[in-house]
Amino acid sequence: MTATVQTGPADQADVPRPAQPAVPQPAAPQPAAPQPAAPQPAAPRPAAAPSTTRTKRTPGPTRAEQTVPVDCGGLHPVVHRPPLEEYLRLLWQRRHFVWADARARTLSESRRFLLGQVWLVLRPVLDAAVYLVIFGLVMRSSRGVENFLGYLVIGVFLFRFTAGTVNAGAKSITSGRALVRSFSFPRIALPVAEVTRQVLRFGPTLGAMLVLILVIPPGARLGWRWLLLPLVLALQVVLVTGLVLLTARLVAKIPDLSQVISLGNRFWLYGSGVMFSFERFVDHPTVLAVVEVNPMFQVLDMARDCLLYAQTPSLASWAILTGWAAVALVGGLVFFWRGEESYGAA
């Protein structure tokens, strides 16, 4: 049998009810974190008034100091003028530089032209041809001059060496200013290197001159007096070296003087009897005596006597040329040496 039991409200309360699952509640929105404010440009501060007081910093031992003895006996200024004897000794020590510089510049100069070293001979030949037309054919200055073509060739070739060396040597310091400011060496090496370069360039020119005076009619005759020519040329080189040392210091001080020197060489050209004989135009003994004192006149006259006219130069000519060469070399050397400390200045 099945019994049915009815329960009342009181009984229903005692009956346990199944647990209901908890419904998740949505999380409450969190307040947004405040964003940092963008930095505002700082207002310019008024310039502080300049302080008229000075703070005196009291020196104090910040770190350990150590004293090391140093021998300064061998130190000397980079630019200084040594005694003349030591100066010449330093120049001799740089003789390899002088030779290498002169040789390199001679080769590099000839490579700039299509004909190269041919111009060393061709240029004086063309100069002689021009003077031949002007003074030989137009002005008729060849009258009374024996072997005028040889006379003209010797004058043009030898004087061109002197003038070219003086013009180039006068600018040796200014053209080598960068080298002077960069290295410590006797500055006299630069003008001496320029003279050496001109001597190297003169070698082919001298050979061409001797060939020309032998083959151009009436032609010169070989003789023992030709052996005196190296002595004349040696005195000429000594003379020119002294003039280069003198003008190099002057142009280093006043660069515009290089133009004046070029103009002076032109006057010297006409005053040395290069294209004509003074005896044909001047008969005043005083003027002729002044002309004979000219050292380049003596160089040309002695060379012509040895090569063309088979005559031995007089003792007076040797004395005049030797005296000029010695005075020029010694005077130019001392004058250049005394300006040794000034060549690197702006």
C-alpha atoms as a PDB file:
ATOM      1  CA  MET A   1       0.000   0.000   0.000  1.00  0.00           C
ATOM      2  CA  THR A   2       1.078   3.348  -0.645  1.00  0.00           C
ATOM      3  CA  ALA A   3       0.543   5.992   1.988  1.00  0.00           C
ATOM      4  CA  THR A   4       0.353   9.599   1.071  1.00  0.00           C
ATOM      5  CA  VAL A   5       1.662  12.022   3.632  1.00  0.00           C
ATOM      6  CA  GLN A   6       0.685  15.632   3.367  1.00  0.00           C
ATOM      7  CA  THR A   7       2.951  18.222   4.803  1.00  0.00           C
ATOM      8  CA  GLY A   8       2.096  21.601   5.899  1.00  0.00           C
ATOM      9  CA  PRO A   9       3.977  24.813   5.720  1.00  0.00           C
ATOM     10  CA  ALA A  10       5.777  24.113   8.900  1.00  0.00           C
ATOM     11  CA  ASP A  11       6.982  20.853   7.634  1.00  0.00           C
ATOM     12  CA  GLN A  12       8.150  22.397   4.348  1.00  0.00           C
ATOM     13  CA  ALA A  13      10.428  24.718   6.174  1.00  0.00           C
ATOM     14  CA  ASP A  14      12.308  21.897   7.692  1.00  0.00           C
ATOM     15  CA  VAL A  15      13.064  20.315   4.342  1.00  0.00           C
ATOM     16  CA  PRO A  16      16.516  21.472   3.028  1.00  0.00           C
ATOM     17  CA  ARG A  17      16.553  23.096  -0.415  1.00  0.00           C
ATOM     18  CA  PRO A  18      19.259  22.501  -2.955  1.00  0.00           C
ATOM     19  CA  ALA A  19      21.914  25.317  -3.126  1.00  0.00           C
ATOM     20  CA  GLN A  20      21.585  27.682  -6.107  1.00  0.00           C
ATOM     21  CA  PRO A  21      24.814  28.487  -8.022  1.00  0.00           C
ATOM     22  CA  ALA A  22      26.138  32.002  -7.346  1.00  0.00           C
ATOM     23  CA  VAL A  23      25.789  34.362 -10.255  1.00  0.00           C
ATOM     24  CA  PRO A  24      29.024  36.345 -10.782  1.00  0.00           C
ATOM     25  CA  GLN A  25      28.453  40.041 -10.479  1.00  0.00           C
ATOM     26  CA  PRO A  26      30.181  42.344 -12.945  1.00  0.00           C
ATOM     27  CA  ALA A  27      33.171  44.160 -11.466  1.00  0.00           C
ATOM     28  CA  ALA A  28      32.630  47.762 -10.729  1.00  0.00           C
ATOM     29  CA  PRO A  29      34.529  50.037 -13.151  1.00  0.00           C
ATOM     30  CA  GLN A  30      37.770  51.366 -11.655  1.00  0.00           C
ATOM     31  CA  PRO A  31      38.404  55.063 -11.938  1.00  0.00           C
ATOM     32  CA  ALA A  32      40.973  55.880 -14.705  1.00  0.00           C
ATOM     33  CA  ALA A  33      44.439  56.723 -13.476  1.00  0.00           C
ATOM     34  CA  PRO A  34      45.245  60.387 -14.021  1.00  0.00           C
ATOM     35  CA  GLN A  35      47.600  60.975 -17.007  1.00  0.00           C
ATOM     36  CA  PRO A  36      50.748  62.979 -16.264  1.00  0.00           C
ATOM     37  CA  ALA A  37      50.454  66.489 -17.501  1.00  0.00           C
ATOM     38  CA  ALA A  38      52.661  67.477 -20.499  1.00  0.00           C
ATOM     39  CA  PRO A  39      55.669  69.456 -19.383  1.00  0.00           C
ATOM     40  CA  GLN A  40      55.193  73.114 -19.978  1.00  0.00           C
ATOM     41  CA  PRO A  41      58.150  75.139 -21.252  1.00  0.00           C
ATOM     42  CA  ALA A  42      59.807  76.864 -18.428  1.00  0.00           C
ATOM     43  CA  ALA A  43      59.397  80.567 -18.409  1.00  0.00           C
ATOM     44  CA  PRO A  44      62.618  82.332 -19.312  1.00  0.00           C
ATOM     45  CA  ARG A  45      64.451  83.527 -16.312  1.00  0.00           C
ATOM     46  CA  PRO A  46      65.643  87.064 -16.274  1.00  0.00           C
ATOM     47  CA  ALA A  47      69.328  87.352 -16.984  1.00  0.00           C
ATOM     48  CA  ALA A  48      71.309  87.612 -13.864  1.00  0.00           C
ATOM     49  CA  ALA A  49      73.155  90.822 -13.430  1.00  0.00           C
ATOM     50  CA  PRO A  50      76.866  90.414 -14.029  1.00  0.00           C
ATOM     51  CA  SER A  51      78.673  89.902 -10.833  1.00  0.00           C
ATOM     52  CA  THR A  52      81.396  92.336 -10.078  1.00  0.00           C
ATOM     53  CA  THR A  53      82.923  90.171  -7.432  1.00  0.00           C
ATOM     54  CA  ARG A  54      85.542  87.554  -8.209  1.00  0.00           C
ATOM     55  CA  THR A  55      85.888  84.349  -6.341  1.00  0.00           C
ATOM     56  CA  LYS A  56      89.440  83.579  -5.467  1.00  0.00           C
ATOM     57  CA  ARG A  57      90.044  79.864  -5.555  1.00  0.00           C
ATOM     58  CA  THR A  58      92.514  78.771  -2.988  1.00  0.00           C
ATOM     59  CA  PRO A  59      94.844  76.183  -4.497  1.00  0.00           C
ATOM     60  CA  GLY A  60      95.033  73.009  -2.584  1.00  0.00           C
ATOM     61  CA  PRO A  61      96.532  69.586  -3.070  1.00  0.00           C
ATOM     62  CA  THR A  62      93.933  67.719  -5.123  1.00  0.00           C
ATOM     63  CA  ARG A  63      96.155  64.796  -6.002  1.00  0.00           C
ATOM     64  CA  ALA A  64      99.557  63.513  -5.237  1.00  0.00           C
ATOM     65  CA  GLU A  65     102.265  65.320  -7.204  1.00  0.00           C
ATOM     66  CA  GLN A  66     105.592  63.853  -8.150  1.00  0.00           C
ATOM     67  CA  THR A  67     108.601  65.866  -9.259  1.00  0.00           C
ATOM     68  CA  VAL A  68     110.731  64.271 -11.982  1.00  0.00           C
ATOM     69  CA  PRO A  69     114.074  65.884 -12.778  1.00  0.00           C
ATOM     70  CA  VAL A  70     114.538  66.627 -16.520  1.00  0.00           C
ATOM     71  CA  ASP A  71     117.793  67.590 -18.155  1.00  0.00           C
ATOM     72  CA  CYS A  72     117.029  70.615 -20.398  1.00  0.00           C
ATOM     73  CA  GLY A  73     120.592  71.188 -21.428  1.00  0.00           C
ATOM     74  CA  GLY A  74     120.053  69.897 -24.980  1.00  0.00           C
ATOM     75  CA  LEU A  75     116.796  71.765 -25.638  1.00  0.00           C
ATOM     76  CA  HIS A  76     116.703  74.838 -27.836  1.00  0.00           C
ATOM     77  CA  PRO A  77     113.989  76.783 -29.692  1.00  0.00           C
ATOM     78  CA  VAL A  78     112.743  75.199 -32.918  1.00  0.00           C
ATOM     79  CA  VAL A  79     113.562  78.372 -34.865  1.00  0.00           C
ATOM     80  CA  HIS A  80     116.938  79.702 -33.857  1.00  0.00           C
ATOM     81  CA  ARG A  81     120.104  80.942 -35.479  1.00  0.00           C
ATOM     82  CA  PRO A  82     123.090  78.765 -34.716  1.00  0.00           C
ATOM     83  CA  PRO A  83     126.647  80.041 -34.992  1.00  0.00           C
ATOM     84  CA  LEU A  84     127.857  80.449 -38.561  1.00  0.00           C
ATOM     85  CA  GLU A  85     130.287  77.531 -38.363  1.00  0.00           C
ATOM     86  CA  GLU A  86     127.583  75.189 -37.064  1.00  0.00           C
ATOM     87  CA  TYR A  87     125.196  76.597 -39.666  1.00  0.00           C
ATOM     88  CA  LEU A  88     127.515  75.547 -42.485  1.00  0.00           C
ATOM     89  CA  ARG A  89     127.992  72.161 -40.850  1.00  0.00           C
ATOM     90  CA  LEU A  90     124.213  71.640 -40.763  1.00  0.00           C
ATOM     91  CA  LEU A  91     124.043  72.589 -44.436  1.00  0.00           C
ATOM     92  CA  TRP A  92     126.679  69.990 -45.263  1.00  0.00           C
ATOM     93  CA  GLN A  93     124.639  67.357 -43.400  1.00  0.00           C
ATOM     94  CA  ARG A  94     121.686  68.198 -45.666  1.00  0.00           C
ATOM     95  CA  ARG A  95     123.705  67.894 -48.878  1.00  0.00           C
ATOM     96  CA  HIS A  96     121.789  64.739 -49.858  1.00  0.00           C
ATOM     97  CA  PHE A  97     118.502  66.606 -49.530  1.00  0.00           C
ATOM     98  CA  VAL A  98     119.872  69.457 -51.643  1.00  0.00           C
ATOM     99  CA  TRP A  99     120.940  67.083 -54.404  1.00  0.00           C
ATOM    100  CA  ALA A 100     117.737  65.006 -54.318  1.00  0.00           C
ATOM    101  CA  ASP A 101     115.502  68.080 -54.348  1.00  0.00           C
ATOM    102  CA  ALA A 102     117.381  69.699 -57.235  1.00  0.00           C
ATOM    103  CA  ARG A 103     117.387  66.518 -59.306  1.00  0.00           C
ATOM    104  CA  ALA A 104     113.715  65.703 -58.667  1.00  0.00           C
ATOM    105  CA  ARG A 105     112.543  69.201 -59.550  1.00  0.00           C
ATOM    106  CA  THR A 106     114.609  69.218 -62.715  1.00  0.00           C
ATOM    107  CA  LEU A 107     113.071  65.945 -63.894  1.00  0.00           C
ATOM    108  CA  SER A 108     109.528  66.910 -62.935  1.00  0.00           C
ATOM    109  CA  GLU A 109     109.825  70.235 -64.721  1.00  0.00           C
ATOM    110  CA  SER A 110     110.939  68.624 -67.972  1.00  0.00           C
ATOM    111  CA  ARG A 111     108.032  66.144 -67.878  1.00  0.00           C
ATOM    112  CA  ARG A 112     105.468  68.916 -68.028  1.00  0.00           C
ATOM    113  CA  PHE A 113     106.364  69.703 -71.649  1.00  0.00           C
ATOM    114  CA  LEU A 114     106.017  67.600 -74.747  1.00  0.00           C
ATOM    115  CA  LEU A 115     109.638  68.136 -75.792  1.00  0.00           C
ATOM    116  CA  GLY A 116     110.927  67.695 -72.249  1.00  0.00           C
ATOM    117  CA  GLN A 117     114.566  68.635 -71.747  1.00  0.00           C
ATOM    118  CA  VAL A 118     114.898  69.697 -75.384  1.00  0.00           C
ATOM    119  CA  TRP A 119     113.623  73.083 -74.272  1.00  0.00           C
ATOM    120  CA  LEU A 120     116.736  73.537 -72.126  1.00  0.00           C
ATOM    121  CA  VAL A 121     118.666  73.835 -75.397  1.00  0.00           C
ATOM    122  CA  LEU A 122     115.966  75.099 -77.737  1.00  0.00           C
ATOM    123  CA  ARG A 123     114.987  78.150 -75.674  1.00  0.00           C
ATOM    124  CA  PRO A 124     118.436  79.828 -75.595  1.00  0.00           C
ATOM    125  CA  VAL A 125     118.924  78.967 -79.286  1.00  0.00           C
ATOM    126  CA  LEU A 126     115.678  80.776 -80.114  1.00  0.00           C
ATOM    127  CA  ASP A 127     116.719  83.727 -77.943  1.00  0.00           C
ATOM    128  CA  ALA A 128     120.015  83.932 -79.809  1.00  0.00           C
ATOM    129  CA  ALA A 129     118.162  83.840 -83.135  1.00  0.00           C
ATOM    130  CA  VAL A 130     115.931  86.728 -82.058  1.00  0.00           C
ATOM    131  CA  TYR A 131     118.894  88.828 -80.928  1.00  0.00           C
ATOM    132  CA  LEU A 132     120.708  87.989 -84.164  1.00  0.00           C
ATOM    133  CA  VAL A 133     117.854  89.392 -86.230  1.00  0.00           C
ATOM    134  CA  ILE A 134     117.473  92.525 -84.096  1.00  0.00           C
ATOM    135  CA  PHE A 135     121.076  93.432 -83.337  1.00  0.00           C
ATOM    136  CA  GLY A 136     122.900  91.671 -86.170  1.00  0.00           C
ATOM    137  CA  LEU A 137     120.696  92.370 -89.159  1.00  0.00           C
ATOM    138  CA  VAL A 138     118.546  95.349 -88.192  1.00  0.00           C
ATOM    139  CA  MET A 139     120.880  97.408 -86.003  1.00  0.00           C
ATOM    140  CA  ARG A 140     124.077  96.211 -87.701  1.00  0.00           C
ATOM    141  CA  SER A 141     125.837  95.874 -84.346  1.00  0.00           C
ATOM    142  CA  SER A 142     127.829  92.951 -85.725  1.00  0.00           C
ATOM    143  CA  ARG A 143     130.160  95.303 -87.582  1.00  0.00           C
ATOM    144  CA  GLY A 144     133.643  95.230 -86.170  1.00  0.00           C
ATOM    145  CA  VAL A 145     132.989  92.087 -84.084  1.00  0.00           C
ATOM    146  CA  GLU A 146     134.936  89.025 -85.116  1.00  0.00           C
ATOM    147  CA  ASN A 147     132.810  85.860 -85.262  1.00  0.00           C
ATOM    148  CA  PHE A 148     129.666  87.702 -84.212  1.00  0.00           C
ATOM    149  CA  LEU A 149     127.517  84.554 -84.163  1.00  0.00           C
ATOM    150  CA  GLY A 150     129.801  82.846 -81.651  1.00  0.00           C
ATOM    151  CA  TYR A 151     130.049  86.132 -79.742  1.00  0.00           C
ATOM    152  CA  LEU A 152     126.247  86.286 -79.512  1.00  0.00           C
ATOM    153  CA  VAL A 153     125.775  82.617 -78.611  1.00  0.00           C
ATOM    154  CA  ILE A 154     128.213  82.783 -75.697  1.00  0.00           C
ATOM    155  CA  GLY A 155     126.645  85.976 -74.392  1.00  0.00           C
ATOM    156  CA  VAL A 156     123.064  84.744 -74.576  1.00  0.00           C
ATOM    157  CA  PHE A 157     123.704  81.269 -73.124  1.00  0.00           C
ATOM    158  CA  LEU A 158     125.862  82.367 -70.190  1.00  0.00           C
ATOM    159  CA  PHE A 159     123.812  85.400 -69.234  1.00  0.00           C
ATOM    160  CA  ARG A 160     120.600  83.397 -69.411  1.00  0.00           C
ATOM    161  CA  PHE A 161     122.000  81.031 -66.789  1.00  0.00           C
ATOM    162  CA  THR A 162     122.842  83.920 -64.463  1.00  0.00           C
ATOM    163  CA  ALA A 163     119.529  85.744 -64.839  1.00  0.00           C
ATOM    164  CA  GLY A 164     117.436  82.571 -64.576  1.00  0.00           C
ATOM    165  CA  THR A 165     119.239  81.432 -61.443  1.00  0.00           C
ATOM    166  CA  VAL A 166     118.890  84.786 -59.704  1.00  0.00           C
ATOM    167  CA  ASN A 167     115.191  85.067 -60.576  1.00  0.00           C
ATOM    168  CA  ALA A 168     114.383  81.537 -59.385  1.00  0.00           C
ATOM    169  CA  GLY A 169     116.646  81.636 -56.335  1.00  0.00           C
ATOM    170  CA  ALA A 170     115.194  84.920 -55.128  1.00  0.00           C
ATOM    171  CA  LYS A 171     111.812  83.184 -54.685  1.00  0.00           C
ATOM    172  CA  SER A 172     113.195  80.000 -53.126  1.00  0.00           C
ATOM    173  CA  ILE A 173     112.106  80.900 -49.571  1.00  0.00           C
ATOM    174  CA  THR A 174     108.648  82.195 -50.491  1.00  0.00           C
ATOM    175  CA  SER A 175     107.917  79.184 -52.702  1.00  0.00           C
ATOM    176  CA  GLY A 176     109.078  76.803 -49.957  1.00  0.00           C
ATOM    177  CA  ARG A 177     107.260  78.531 -47.109  1.00  0.00           C
ATOM    178  CA  ALA A 178     105.247  75.413 -46.214  1.00  0.00           C
ATOM    179  CA  LEU A 179     108.434  73.379 -45.906  1.00  0.00           C
ATOM    180  CA  VAL A 180     110.043  76.088 -43.802  1.00  0.00           C
ATOM    181  CA  ARG A 181     107.117  76.117 -41.361  1.00  0.00           C
ATOM    182  CA  SER A 182     106.906  72.327 -41.104  1.00  0.00           C
ATOM    183  CA  PHE A 183     110.499  71.190 -40.548  1.00  0.00           C
ATOM    184  CA  SER A 184     113.563  72.351 -38.723  1.00  0.00           C
ATOM    185  CA  PHE A 185     116.553  72.624 -41.049  1.00  0.00           C
ATOM    186  CA  PRO A 186     118.946  75.360 -42.180  1.00  0.00           C
ATOM    187  CA  ARG A 187     116.924  77.531 -44.539  1.00  0.00           C
ATOM    188  CA  ILE A 188     119.957  78.121 -46.715  1.00  0.00           C
ATOM    189  CA  ALA A 189     119.370  74.631 -48.121  1.00  0.00           C
ATOM    190  CA  LEU A 190     116.488  75.983 -50.225  1.00  0.00           C
ATOM    191  CA  PRO A 191     118.404  78.636 -52.224  1.00  0.00           C
ATOM    192  CA  VAL A 192     121.415  76.321 -52.519  1.00  0.00           C
ATOM    193  CA  ALA A 193     119.136  73.596 -53.894  1.00  0.00           C
ATOM    194  CA  GLU A 194     117.772  76.084 -56.429  1.00  0.00           C
ATOM    195  CA  VAL A 195     121.284  76.996 -57.578  1.00  0.00           C
ATOM    196  CA  THR A 196     122.081  73.280 -57.867  1.00  0.00           C
ATOM    197  CA  ARG A 197     118.959  72.749 -59.959  1.00  0.00           C
ATOM    198  CA  GLN A 198     119.918  75.550 -62.325  1.00  0.00           C
ATOM    199  CA  VAL A 199     123.421  74.108 -62.685  1.00  0.00           C
ATOM    200  CA  LEU A 200     121.926  70.736 -63.633  1.00  0.00           C
ATOM    201  CA  ARG A 201     119.696  72.432 -66.186  1.00  0.00           C
ATOM    202  CA  PHE A 202     122.663  74.348 -67.563  1.00  0.00           C
ATOM    203  CA  GLY A 203     124.594  71.152 -68.397  1.00  0.00           C
ATOM    204  CA  PRO A 204     122.799  70.387 -71.688  1.00  0.00           C
ATOM    205  CA  THR A 205     122.755  74.096 -72.523  1.00  0.00           C
ATOM    206  CA  LEU A 206     126.512  74.368 -72.090  1.00  0.00           C
ATOM    207  CA  GLY A 207     127.072  71.358 -74.339  1.00  0.00           C
ATOM    208  CA  ALA A 208     124.866  72.870 -77.027  1.00  0.00           C
ATOM    209  CA  MET A 209     126.725  76.181 -76.770  1.00  0.00           C
ATOM    210  CA  LEU A 210     130.097  74.526 -77.338  1.00  0.00           C
ATOM    211  CA  VAL A 211     128.765  72.597 -80.338  1.00  0.00           C
ATOM    212  CA  LEU A 212     127.252  75.719 -81.889  1.00  0.00           C
ATOM    213  CA  ILE A 213     130.398  77.826 -81.682  1.00  0.00           C
ATOM    214  CA  LEU A 214     132.322  74.972 -83.303  1.00  0.00           C
ATOM    215  CA  VAL A 215     129.962  74.400 -86.235  1.00  0.00           C
ATOM    216  CA  ILE A 216     128.666  77.917 -86.960  1.00  0.00           C
ATOM    217  CA  PRO A 217     130.926  79.635 -89.518  1.00  0.00           C
ATOM    218  CA  PRO A 218     133.608  80.790 -89.206  1.00  0.00           C
ATOM    219  CA  GLY A 219     133.800  78.314 -86.325  1.00  0.00           C
ATOM    220  CA  ALA A 220     135.978  78.310 -83.231  1.00  0.00           C
ATOM    221  CA  ARG A 221     139.155  76.278 -82.918  1.00  0.00           C
ATOM    222  CA  LEU A 222     139.894  73.935 -80.072  1.00  0.00           C
ATOM    223  CA  GLY A 223     142.865  74.934 -77.939  1.00  0.00           C
ATOM    224  CA  TRP A 224     144.329  74.563 -74.501  1.00  0.00           C
ATOM    225  CA  ARG A 225     142.632  77.776 -73.371  1.00  0.00           C
ATOM    226  CA  TRP A 226     139.354  75.928 -73.464  1.00  0.00           C
ATOM    227  CA  LEU A 227     140.539  74.315 -70.246  1.00  0.00           C
ATOM    228  CA  LEU A 228     140.241  77.711 -68.557  1.00  0.00           C
ATOM    229  CA  LEU A 229     136.501  77.819 -69.196  1.00  0.00           C
ATOM    230  CA  PRO A 230     135.600  75.645 -66.124  1.00  0.00           C
ATOM    231  CA  LEU A 231     137.412  78.138 -63.901  1.00  0.00           C
ATOM    232  CA  VAL A 232     135.429  81.017 -65.381  1.00  0.00           C
ATOM    233  CA  LEU A 233     132.184  79.098 -64.958  1.00  0.00           C
ATOM    234  CA  ALA A 234     133.072  78.158 -61.378  1.00  0.00           C
ATOM    235  CA  LEU A 235     133.564  81.820 -60.490  1.00  0.00           C
ATOM    236  CA  GLN A 236     130.269  82.592 -62.205  1.00  0.00           C
ATOM    237  CA  VAL A 237     128.461  79.989 -60.078  1.00  0.00           C
ATOM    238  CA  VAL A 238     130.025  81.399 -56.897  1.00  0.00           C
ATOM    239  CA  LEU A 239     128.949  84.895 -57.908  1.00  0.00           C
ATOM    240  CA  VAL A 240     125.417  83.771 -58.671  1.00  0.00           C
ATOM    241  CA  THR A 241     125.140  81.829 -55.389  1.00  0.00           C
ATOM    242  CA  GLY A 242     125.990  84.954 -53.423  1.00  0.00           C
ATOM    243  CA  LEU A 243     123.419  86.991 -55.344  1.00  0.00           C
ATOM    244  CA  VAL A 244     120.769  84.326 -54.753  1.00  0.00           C
ATOM    245  CA  LEU A 245     121.384  84.350 -50.992  1.00  0.00           C
ATOM    246  CA  LEU A 246     121.154  88.124 -50.965  1.00  0.00           C
ATOM    247  CA  THR A 247     117.951  88.365 -52.981  1.00  0.00           C
ATOM    248  CA  ALA A 248     116.289  85.376 -51.272  1.00  0.00           C
ATOM    249  CA  ARG A 249     116.219  87.144 -47.921  1.00  0.00           C
ATOM    250  CA  LEU A 250     115.025  90.413 -49.477  1.00  0.00           C
ATOM    251  CA  VAL A 251     112.162  88.735 -51.358  1.00  0.00           C
ATOM    252  CA  ALA A 252     111.215  86.698 -48.271  1.00  0.00           C
ATOM    253  CA  LYS A 253     110.744  90.004 -46.462  1.00  0.00           C
ATOM    254  CA  ILE A 254     109.163  91.939 -49.372  1.00  0.00           C
ATOM    255  CA  PRO A 255     107.779  89.579 -52.059  1.00  0.00           C
ATOM    256  CA  ASP A 256     107.176  92.449 -54.515  1.00  0.00           C
ATOM    257  CA  LEU A 257     110.925  92.810 -54.929  1.00  0.00           C
ATOM    258  CA  SER A 258     110.909  89.751 -57.204  1.00  0.00           C
ATOM    259  CA  GLN A 259     109.410  91.944 -59.926  1.00  0.00           C
ATOM    260  CA  VAL A 260     112.076  94.581 -59.405  1.00  0.00           C
ATOM    261  CA  ILE A 261     114.804  91.934 -59.642  1.00  0.00           C
ATOM    262  CA  SER A 262     113.445  90.721 -62.992  1.00  0.00           C
ATOM    263  CA  LEU A 263     113.526  94.279 -64.295  1.00  0.00           C
ATOM    264  CA  GLY A 264     117.045  94.777 -62.943  1.00  0.00           C
ATOM    265  CA  ASN A 265     118.227  91.658 -64.774  1.00  0.00           C
ATOM    266  CA  ARG A 266     117.003  93.194 -68.014  1.00  0.00           C
ATOM    267  CA  PHE A 267     119.099  96.308 -67.439  1.00  0.00           C
ATOM    268  CA  TRP A 268     122.006  94.047 -66.508  1.00  0.00           C
ATOM    269  CA  LEU A 269     121.568  92.241 -69.829  1.00  0.00           C
ATOM    270  CA  TYR A 270     122.155  95.375 -71.873  1.00  0.00           C
ATOM    271  CA  GLY A 271     124.932  96.560 -69.579  1.00  0.00           C
ATOM    272  CA  SER A 272     126.997  93.381 -69.943  1.00  0.00           C
ATOM    273  CA  GLY A 273     127.678  93.434 -73.677  1.00  0.00           C
ATOM    274  CA  VAL A 274     125.600  90.342 -74.445  1.00  0.00           C
ATOM    275  CA  MET A 275     124.516  91.366 -77.962  1.00  0.00           C
ATOM    276  CA  PHE A 276     127.033  94.022 -78.926  1.00  0.00           C
ATOM    277  CA  SER A 277     130.496  95.308 -78.188  1.00  0.00           C
ATOM    278  CA  PHE A 278     130.778  98.443 -76.072  1.00  0.00           C
ATOM    279  CA  GLU A 279     133.927  99.542 -77.913  1.00  0.00           C
ATOM    280  CA  ARG A 280     131.827 100.186 -81.000  1.00  0.00           C
ATOM    281  CA  PHE A 281     129.361 102.527 -79.256  1.00  0.00           C
ATOM    282  CA  VAL A 282     131.294 103.932 -76.285  1.00  0.00           C
ATOM    283  CA  ASP A 283     134.662 105.666 -76.522  1.00  0.00           C
ATOM    284  CA  HIS A 284     134.738 107.487 -73.171  1.00  0.00           C
ATOM    285  CA  PRO A 285     137.417 105.864 -70.999  1.00  0.00           C
ATOM    286  CA  THR A 286     135.533 106.402 -67.736  1.00  0.00           C
ATOM    287  CA  VAL A 287     132.380 104.767 -69.048  1.00  0.00           C
ATOM    288  CA  LEU A 288     134.379 101.848 -70.406  1.00  0.00           C
ATOM    289  CA  ALA A 289     136.120 101.468 -67.035  1.00  0.00           C
ATOM    290  CA  VAL A 290     132.743 101.299 -65.287  1.00  0.00           C
ATOM    291  CA  VAL A 291     131.543  98.682 -67.771  1.00  0.00           C
ATOM    292  CA  GLU A 292     134.628  96.549 -67.182  1.00  0.00           C
ATOM    293  CA  VAL A 293     133.928  96.468 -63.447  1.00  0.00           C
ATOM    294  CA  ASN A 294     130.647  94.707 -64.205  1.00  0.00           C
ATOM    295  CA  PRO A 295     131.223  91.066 -63.158  1.00  0.00           C
ATOM    296  CA  MET A 296     129.005  89.604 -65.885  1.00  0.00           C
ATOM    297  CA  PHE A 297     130.875  91.600 -68.504  1.00  0.00           C
ATOM    298  CA  GLN A 298     134.055  89.956 -67.230  1.00  0.00           C
ATOM    299  CA  VAL A 299     132.455  86.486 -67.354  1.00  0.00           C
ATOM    300  CA  LEU A 300     131.406  86.930 -70.982  1.00  0.00           C
ATOM    301  CA  ASP A 301     134.625  88.631 -72.045  1.00  0.00           C
ATOM    302  CA  MET A 302     136.829  85.946 -70.465  1.00  0.00           C
ATOM    303  CA  ALA A 303     134.743  83.107 -71.915  1.00  0.00           C
ATOM    304  CA  ARG A 304     134.958  84.653 -75.391  1.00  0.00           C
ATOM    305  CA  ASP A 305     138.708  85.065 -75.091  1.00  0.00           C
ATOM    306  CA  CYS A 306     139.107  81.397 -74.152  1.00  0.00           C
ATOM    307  CA  LEU A 307     136.710  79.908 -76.708  1.00  0.00           C
ATOM    308  CA  LEU A 308     136.694  82.239 -79.711  1.00  0.00           C
ATOM    309  CA  TYR A 309     139.815  84.352 -79.824  1.00  0.00           C
ATOM    310  CA  ALA A 310     142.455  81.994 -78.362  1.00  0.00           C
ATOM    311  CA  GLN A 311     143.558  84.608 -75.831  1.00  0.00           C
ATOM    312  CA  THR A 312     144.383  84.170 -72.180  1.00  0.00           C
ATOM    313  CA  PRO A 313     142.286  86.443 -69.937  1.00  0.00           C
ATOM    314  CA  SER A 314     144.291  89.160 -68.262  1.00  0.00           C
ATOM    315  CA  LEU A 315     145.183  89.082 -64.577  1.00  0.00           C
ATOM    316  CA  ALA A 316     143.037  92.178 -64.059  1.00  0.00           C
ATOM    317  CA  SER A 317     140.020  90.293 -65.385  1.00  0.00           C
ATOM    318  CA  TRP A 318     140.705  87.343 -63.086  1.00  0.00           C
ATOM    319  CA  ALA A 319     141.134  89.686 -60.112  1.00  0.00           C
ATOM    320  CA  ILE A 320     137.904  91.586 -60.805  1.00  0.00           C
ATOM    321  CA  LEU A 321     135.804  88.467 -61.244  1.00  0.00           C
ATOM    322  CA  THR A 322     137.354  86.670 -58.259  1.00  0.00           C
ATOM    323  CA  GLY A 323     136.825  89.711 -56.050  1.00  0.00           C
ATOM    324  CA  TRP A 324     133.183  90.040 -57.034  1.00  0.00           C
ATOM    325  CA  ALA A 325     132.575  86.320 -56.491  1.00  0.00           C
ATOM    326  CA  ALA A 326     134.177  86.330 -53.028  1.00  0.00           C
ATOM    327  CA  VAL A 327     132.377  89.483 -51.869  1.00  0.00           C
ATOM    328  CA  ALA A 328     129.026  88.236 -53.180  1.00  0.00           C
ATOM    329  CA  LEU A 329     129.355  84.811 -51.573  1.00  0.00           C
ATOM    330  CA  VAL A 330     130.588  85.962 -48.161  1.00  0.00           C
ATOM    331  CA  GLY A 331     128.248  88.941 -48.017  1.00  0.00           C
ATOM    332  CA  GLY A 332     125.252  86.949 -49.203  1.00  0.00           C
ATOM    333  CA  LEU A 333     125.992  84.113 -46.769  1.00  0.00           C
ATOM    334  CA  VAL A 334     126.249  86.377 -43.728  1.00  0.00           C
ATOM    335  CA  PHE A 335     123.231  88.432 -44.799  1.00  0.00           C
ATOM    336  CA  PHE A 336     121.078  85.333 -45.287  1.00  0.00           C
ATOM    337  CA  TRP A 337     122.290  83.693 -42.063  1.00  0.00           C
ATOM    338  CA  ARG A 338     121.368  86.736 -39.969  1.00  0.00           C
ATOM    339  CA  GLY A 339     117.757  86.432 -41.126  1.00  0.00           C
ATOM    340  CA  GLU A 340     117.462  82.715 -40.333  1.00  0.00           C
ATOM    341  CA  GLU A 341     114.851  83.218 -37.592  1.00  0.00           C
ATOM    342  CA  SER A 342     112.524  85.323 -39.772  1.00  0.00           C
ATOM    343  CA  TYR A 343     111.899  83.011 -42.732  1.00  0.00           C
ATOM    344  CA  GLY A 344     109.007  81.111 -41.152  1.00  0.00           C
ATOM    345  CA  ALA A 345     107.057  84.257 -40.282  1.00  0.00           C
ATOM    346  CA  ALA A 346     103.811  85.031 -42.068  1.00  0.00           C
END
